[in-house]
Amino acid sequence: MTAIYVLDVPEFAPVAEAATGEDLSLTRRSGYFRVSSPGPISVRRADTDLVDAVWFSALSGGYAGALERFDGDLIRVVPDGR
């Protein structure tokens, strides 16, 4: 299982809205959106229109799984292989 926890504020809403993954689930919990999937979760920056400061702090709420990629173009969290 993978998850991305996105702060429930307007600036970060595009991250939750642009997330893609198999059987993706979006729930609101205690000031966060929890985006979860049994498989990988990806967010393409081009789908969010976020400025650098917001994009590079998009994971400040945390995540579950292994961070496979986080750069100026893509966030990808995959299941932890442990």
N, C-alpha and C. Protein backbone atom coordinates (compact mmCIF):
# COMPACT_ATOMS: atom_id res chain seq x y z
N MET A 1 0.84 -1.18 0.00
CA MET A 1 0.00 0.00 0.00
C MET A 1 0.89 1.24 0.00
N THR A 2 0.51 2.22 -0.79
CA THR A 2 1.22 3.49 -0.83
C THR A 2 0.24 4.61 -0.50
N ALA A 3 0.77 5.70 -0.01
CA ALA A 3 -0.07 6.86 0.30
C ALA A 3 0.76 8.13 0.26
N ILE A 4 0.10 9.20 -0.09
CA ILE A 4 0.67 10.54 0.00
C ILE A 4 -0.28 11.35 0.86
N TYR A 5 0.25 12.04 1.85
CA TYR A 5 -0.56 12.89 2.73
C TYR A 5 -0.34 14.33 2.31
N VAL A 6 -1.39 14.95 1.82
CA VAL A 6 -1.32 16.30 1.27
C VAL A 6 -2.07 17.25 2.19
N LEU A 7 -1.42 18.33 2.60
CA LEU A 7 -2.08 19.32 3.45
C LEU A 7 -3.37 19.79 2.81
N ASP A 8 -4.43 19.86 3.60
CA ASP A 8 -5.75 20.28 3.11
C ASP A 8 -5.85 21.81 3.12
N VAL A 9 -5.09 22.42 2.21
CA VAL A 9 -5.13 23.87 1.99
C VAL A 9 -5.17 24.08 0.48
N PRO A 10 -5.75 25.19 0.04
CA PRO A 10 -5.92 25.40 -1.41
C PRO A 10 -4.64 25.28 -2.23
N GLU A 11 -3.51 25.72 -1.69
CA GLU A 11 -2.26 25.68 -2.44
C GLU A 11 -1.86 24.26 -2.84
N PHE A 12 -2.17 23.28 -2.00
CA PHE A 12 -1.76 21.90 -2.26
C PHE A 12 -2.83 21.05 -2.92
N ALA A 13 -4.04 21.56 -3.06
CA ALA A 13 -5.13 20.79 -3.66
C ALA A 13 -4.77 20.20 -5.03
N PRO A 14 -4.05 20.92 -5.90
CA PRO A 14 -3.71 20.34 -7.20
C PRO A 14 -2.89 19.05 -7.11
N VAL A 15 -2.13 18.86 -6.04
CA VAL A 15 -1.35 17.63 -5.88
C VAL A 15 -2.30 16.45 -5.72
N ALA A 16 -3.27 16.58 -4.84
CA ALA A 16 -4.24 15.51 -4.62
C ALA A 16 -5.07 15.26 -5.87
N GLU A 17 -5.45 16.32 -6.55
CA GLU A 17 -6.30 16.20 -7.73
C GLU A 17 -5.57 15.57 -8.91
N ALA A 18 -4.27 15.77 -9.01
CA ALA A 18 -3.50 15.26 -10.15
C ALA A 18 -2.91 13.88 -9.92
N ALA A 19 -3.04 13.34 -8.71
CA ALA A 19 -2.46 12.03 -8.40
C ALA A 19 -3.13 10.94 -9.24
N THR A 20 -2.30 10.02 -9.71
CA THR A 20 -2.81 8.89 -10.47
C THR A 20 -2.25 7.60 -9.89
N GLY A 21 -3.04 6.54 -10.03
CA GLY A 21 -2.62 5.23 -9.55
C GLY A 21 -3.76 4.25 -9.67
N GLU A 22 -3.44 2.98 -9.54
CA GLU A 22 -4.42 1.92 -9.62
C GLU A 22 -5.33 1.95 -8.39
N ASP A 23 -6.64 1.89 -8.60
CA ASP A 23 -7.62 1.89 -7.50
C ASP A 23 -7.33 3.00 -6.49
N LEU A 24 -7.06 4.19 -7.00
CA LEU A 24 -6.71 5.34 -6.17
C LEU A 24 -7.88 5.73 -5.26
N SER A 25 -7.57 6.04 -4.04
CA SER A 25 -8.57 6.46 -3.06
C SER A 25 -8.15 7.81 -2.48
N LEU A 26 -9.11 8.71 -2.34
CA LEU A 26 -8.84 10.03 -1.77
C LEU A 26 -9.78 10.24 -0.59
N THR A 27 -9.18 10.42 0.60
CA THR A 27 -9.98 10.65 1.80
C THR A 27 -9.43 11.86 2.54
N ARG A 28 -10.29 12.54 3.25
CA ARG A 28 -9.90 13.72 4.03
C ARG A 28 -9.78 13.28 5.48
N ARG A 29 -8.63 13.62 6.10
CA ARG A 29 -8.36 13.21 7.49
C ARG A 29 -7.59 14.29 8.21
N SER A 30 -8.12 14.81 9.27
CA SER A 30 -7.41 15.69 10.21
C SER A 30 -6.50 16.73 9.54
N GLY A 31 -7.03 17.51 8.62
CA GLY A 31 -6.25 18.55 7.99
C GLY A 31 -5.41 18.11 6.80
N TYR A 32 -5.58 16.86 6.39
CA TYR A 32 -4.84 16.31 5.26
C TYR A 32 -5.79 15.59 4.31
N PHE A 33 -5.35 15.47 3.06
CA PHE A 33 -5.94 14.52 2.13
C PHE A 33 -5.03 13.32 2.13
N ARG A 34 -5.61 12.15 2.19
CA ARG A 34 -4.82 10.92 2.08
C ARG A 34 -5.12 10.32 0.71
N VAL A 35 -4.12 10.31 -0.15
CA VAL A 35 -4.23 9.71 -1.47
C VAL A 35 -3.56 8.35 -1.34
N SER A 36 -4.30 7.26 -1.55
CA SER A 36 -3.72 5.94 -1.35
C SER A 36 -4.04 5.01 -2.52
N SER A 37 -3.21 3.98 -2.64
CA SER A 37 -3.33 3.01 -3.71
C SER A 37 -2.59 1.74 -3.29
N PRO A 38 -3.04 0.59 -3.78
CA PRO A 38 -2.26 -0.62 -3.50
C PRO A 38 -0.96 -0.67 -4.29
N GLY A 39 -0.85 0.16 -5.32
CA GLY A 39 0.35 0.21 -6.15
C GLY A 39 0.98 1.58 -6.14
N PRO A 40 1.77 1.88 -7.16
CA PRO A 40 2.45 3.18 -7.25
C PRO A 40 1.46 4.35 -7.37
N ILE A 41 1.90 5.50 -6.86
CA ILE A 41 1.16 6.75 -7.02
C ILE A 41 2.11 7.73 -7.71
N SER A 42 1.60 8.40 -8.73
CA SER A 42 2.40 9.38 -9.46
C SER A 42 1.66 10.71 -9.52
N VAL A 43 2.43 11.79 -9.48
CA VAL A 43 1.88 13.13 -9.69
C VAL A 43 2.82 13.84 -10.66
N ARG A 44 2.30 14.21 -11.80
CA ARG A 44 3.09 14.96 -12.78
C ARG A 44 2.95 16.45 -12.50
N ARG A 45 4.05 17.13 -12.38
CA ARG A 45 4.00 18.55 -12.08
C ARG A 45 3.24 19.33 -13.15
N ALA A 46 3.38 18.92 -14.40
CA ALA A 46 2.69 19.60 -15.50
C ALA A 46 1.17 19.61 -15.30
N ASP A 47 0.66 18.66 -14.53
CA ASP A 47 -0.79 18.58 -14.27
C ASP A 47 -1.22 19.43 -13.08
N THR A 48 -0.26 20.06 -12.40
CA THR A 48 -0.59 20.82 -11.19
C THR A 48 -0.43 22.32 -11.33
N ASP A 49 0.45 22.78 -12.21
CA ASP A 49 0.76 24.21 -12.36
C ASP A 49 1.29 24.85 -11.08
N LEU A 50 2.00 24.08 -10.26
CA LEU A 50 2.52 24.61 -9.00
C LEU A 50 3.86 25.30 -9.18
N VAL A 51 4.08 26.35 -8.42
CA VAL A 51 5.38 27.03 -8.40
C VAL A 51 6.37 26.17 -7.61
N ASP A 52 7.65 26.45 -7.77
CA ASP A 52 8.70 25.65 -7.11
C ASP A 52 8.47 25.45 -5.62
N ALA A 53 8.23 26.53 -4.90
CA ALA A 53 8.12 26.44 -3.43
C ALA A 53 7.01 25.48 -3.00
N VAL A 54 5.90 25.49 -3.68
CA VAL A 54 4.79 24.60 -3.32
C VAL A 54 5.09 23.18 -3.80
N TRP A 55 5.56 23.04 -5.03
CA TRP A 55 5.85 21.70 -5.56
C TRP A 55 6.86 20.96 -4.68
N PHE A 56 7.95 21.61 -4.34
CA PHE A 56 8.99 20.93 -3.58
C PHE A 56 8.66 20.75 -2.10
N SER A 57 7.54 21.28 -1.65
CA SER A 57 7.07 21.00 -0.29
C SER A 57 5.80 20.16 -0.31
N ALA A 58 5.47 19.60 -1.46
CA ALA A 58 4.24 18.82 -1.62
C ALA A 58 4.19 17.60 -0.71
N LEU A 59 5.33 17.04 -0.36
CA LEU A 59 5.35 15.86 0.50
C LEU A 59 5.56 16.20 1.98
N SER A 60 5.38 17.45 2.34
CA SER A 60 5.59 17.85 3.74
C SER A 60 4.61 17.16 4.69
N GLY A 61 3.51 16.66 4.17
CA GLY A 61 2.56 15.91 4.99
C GLY A 61 2.98 14.47 5.20
N GLY A 62 3.92 14.01 4.41
CA GLY A 62 4.44 12.65 4.53
C GLY A 62 3.93 11.73 3.44
N TYR A 63 4.44 10.51 3.46
CA TYR A 63 4.03 9.50 2.50
C TYR A 63 4.30 8.12 3.10
N ALA A 64 3.64 7.11 2.55
CA ALA A 64 3.87 5.72 2.94
C ALA A 64 4.32 4.97 1.70
N GLY A 65 5.38 4.23 1.83
CA GLY A 65 5.96 3.52 0.70
C GLY A 65 7.38 3.99 0.50
N ALA A 66 7.91 3.75 -0.68
CA ALA A 66 9.27 4.15 -1.01
C ALA A 66 9.22 5.27 -2.05
N LEU A 67 9.97 6.31 -1.81
CA LEU A 67 10.02 7.43 -2.74
C LEU A 67 10.95 7.05 -3.89
N GLU A 68 10.36 6.73 -5.03
CA GLU A 68 11.15 6.31 -6.19
C GLU A 68 11.70 7.51 -6.95
N ARG A 69 10.90 8.58 -7.01
CA ARG A 69 11.34 9.77 -7.73
C ARG A 69 10.64 11.01 -7.18
N PHE A 70 11.42 12.05 -6.99
CA PHE A 70 10.87 13.35 -6.60
C PHE A 70 11.81 14.40 -7.16
N ASP A 71 11.42 14.98 -8.29
CA ASP A 71 12.23 16.00 -8.92
C ASP A 71 11.31 17.10 -9.45
N GLY A 72 11.80 17.93 -10.31
CA GLY A 72 11.03 19.05 -10.80
C GLY A 72 9.86 18.68 -11.70
N ASP A 73 9.79 17.41 -12.10
CA ASP A 73 8.75 16.98 -13.03
C ASP A 73 7.77 15.95 -12.47
N LEU A 74 8.21 15.14 -11.52
CA LEU A 74 7.39 14.00 -11.11
C LEU A 74 7.62 13.62 -9.65
N ILE A 75 6.53 13.25 -9.00
CA ILE A 75 6.59 12.58 -7.70
C ILE A 75 6.08 11.16 -7.95
N ARG A 76 6.83 10.15 -7.49
CA ARG A 76 6.39 8.76 -7.65
C ARG A 76 6.73 8.01 -6.37
N VAL A 77 5.69 7.50 -5.73
CA VAL A 77 5.82 6.70 -4.52
C VAL A 77 5.37 5.27 -4.87
N VAL A 78 6.19 4.30 -4.53
CA VAL A 78 5.91 2.90 -4.86
C VAL A 78 5.81 2.11 -3.56
N PRO A 79 5.20 0.92 -3.63
CA PRO A 79 5.15 0.08 -2.42
C PRO A 79 6.55 -0.19 -1.90
N ASP A 80 6.68 -0.19 -0.59
CA ASP A 80 7.95 -0.48 0.06
C ASP A 80 8.23 -1.97 -0.06
N GLY A 81 9.39 -2.32 -0.58
CA GLY A 81 9.73 -3.72 -0.83
C GLY A 81 10.17 -4.52 0.37
N ARG A 82 10.10 -3.96 1.55
CA ARG A 82 10.56 -4.68 2.74
C ARG A 82 9.66 -5.82 3.10
